[in-house]
Amino acid sequence: MKIMDEDEFYEKVANLILDQTISTTEREIFLKVKNNLGENMELKKVVELLKMQLSPLAIRMELSNHVILFYQELSSQFLDRGGRDQKISIPPY
């Protein structure tokens, strides 16, 4: 699977901002993310912040369908690249 680069990430965020099916809360989160990218924040850091902000909505099952798909894509692409998403292996007994 091809890892999402900054341009692709920015394009997906921009499309989600314009998506009429997402909530106002989701749109505000994506606008902040877009501003962070504009301030030359590192993509990995922006993704971490985005996932942190979307997680409470995901737990409460308040994400719109398009945001769910994007959130799942982020989780699969940025999983195991350090930070809190790192997988932990537990050896069998």
Protein backbone atom coordinates (compact mmCIF):
# COMPACT_ATOMS: atom_id res chain seq x y z
CA MET A 1 0.00 0.00 0.00
CA LYS A 2 1.30 3.44 -0.95
CA ILE A 3 1.85 5.72 2.02
CA MET A 4 -0.05 8.99 1.80
CA ASP A 5 2.22 11.98 1.17
CA GLU A 6 1.61 15.53 2.35
CA ASP A 7 -0.01 16.67 -0.92
CA GLU A 8 -2.45 13.77 -0.93
CA PHE A 9 -3.23 14.33 2.76
CA TYR A 10 -3.82 18.05 2.16
CA GLU A 11 -6.11 17.29 -0.79
CA LYS A 12 -8.17 14.81 1.23
CA VAL A 13 -8.49 17.29 4.12
CA ALA A 14 -9.56 20.05 1.70
CA ASN A 15 -12.19 17.76 0.16
CA LEU A 16 -13.52 16.84 3.59
CA ILE A 17 -13.80 20.53 4.54
CA LEU A 18 -15.99 21.05 1.46
CA ASP A 19 -18.04 17.90 2.12
CA GLN A 20 -21.58 18.89 3.10
CA THR A 21 -22.19 15.60 4.90
CA ILE A 22 -19.67 16.16 7.72
CA SER A 23 -20.58 17.86 10.98
CA THR A 24 -19.59 21.38 11.99
CA THR A 25 -17.30 19.89 14.65
CA GLU A 26 -15.52 17.72 12.10
CA ARG A 27 -15.17 20.67 9.72
CA GLU A 28 -13.62 22.83 12.47
CA ILE A 29 -11.11 20.06 13.24
CA PHE A 30 -10.14 19.77 9.57
CA LEU A 31 -9.79 23.56 9.24
CA LYS A 32 -7.32 23.56 12.14
CA VAL A 33 -5.42 20.72 10.48
CA LYS A 34 -5.28 22.64 7.21
CA ASN A 35 -3.89 25.68 9.05
CA ASN A 36 -1.25 23.51 10.77
CA LEU A 37 -0.13 22.20 7.37
CA GLY A 38 0.04 25.79 6.13
CA GLU A 39 2.37 26.59 9.02
CA ASN A 40 4.79 23.90 7.78
CA MET A 41 4.10 21.55 10.68
CA GLU A 42 5.49 18.07 9.99
CA LEU A 43 2.90 15.70 8.47
CA LYS A 44 3.38 13.04 11.14
CA LYS A 45 2.68 15.60 13.88
CA VAL A 46 -0.39 16.93 12.05
CA VAL A 47 -1.74 13.37 11.67
CA GLU A 48 -1.14 12.67 15.36
CA LEU A 49 -3.04 15.83 16.34
CA LEU A 50 -5.86 15.04 13.93
CA LYS A 51 -6.27 11.50 15.22
CA MET A 52 -6.20 12.80 18.79
CA GLN A 53 -9.00 15.26 18.00
CA LEU A 54 -11.10 12.74 16.06
CA SER A 55 -10.71 9.90 18.58
CA PRO A 56 -13.35 11.18 21.05
CA LEU A 57 -15.84 11.53 18.19
CA ALA A 58 -14.96 8.03 16.99
CA ILE A 59 -15.44 6.56 20.47
CA ARG A 60 -18.85 8.22 20.74
CA MET A 61 -19.64 7.03 17.17
CA GLU A 62 -20.19 10.63 16.04
CA LEU A 63 -18.05 10.56 12.90
CA SER A 64 -19.70 10.97 9.51
CA ASN A 65 -19.19 8.20 6.95
CA HIS A 66 -16.55 10.02 4.89
CA VAL A 67 -14.59 10.95 8.00
CA ILE A 68 -14.74 7.34 9.22
CA LEU A 69 -13.15 6.18 5.96
CA PHE A 70 -10.43 8.83 6.21
CA TYR A 71 -9.82 8.04 9.90
CA GLN A 72 -9.44 4.34 9.07
CA GLU A 73 -7.03 5.16 6.26
CA LEU A 74 -4.93 7.31 8.59
CA SER A 75 -4.94 4.61 11.24
CA SER A 76 -3.76 1.95 8.81
CA GLN A 77 -1.13 4.14 7.16
CA PHE A 78 0.36 5.75 10.23
CA LEU A 79 0.01 2.81 12.61
CA ASP A 80 3.28 1.46 13.95
CA ARG A 81 5.30 4.53 13.02
CA GLY A 82 6.02 5.55 16.58
CA GLY A 83 3.96 7.48 19.07
CA ARG A 84 0.87 6.19 20.83
CA ASP A 85 -0.24 4.02 17.90
CA GLN A 86 2.66 1.63 18.26
CA LYS A 87 1.64 -2.01 18.42
CA ILE A 88 2.72 -3.99 21.43
CA SER A 89 3.52 -7.66 21.05
CA ILE A 90 2.76 -9.89 24.00
CA PRO A 91 4.57 -13.24 23.85
CA PRO A 92 2.45 -16.36 24.45
CA TYR A 93 2.87 -18.20 27.73
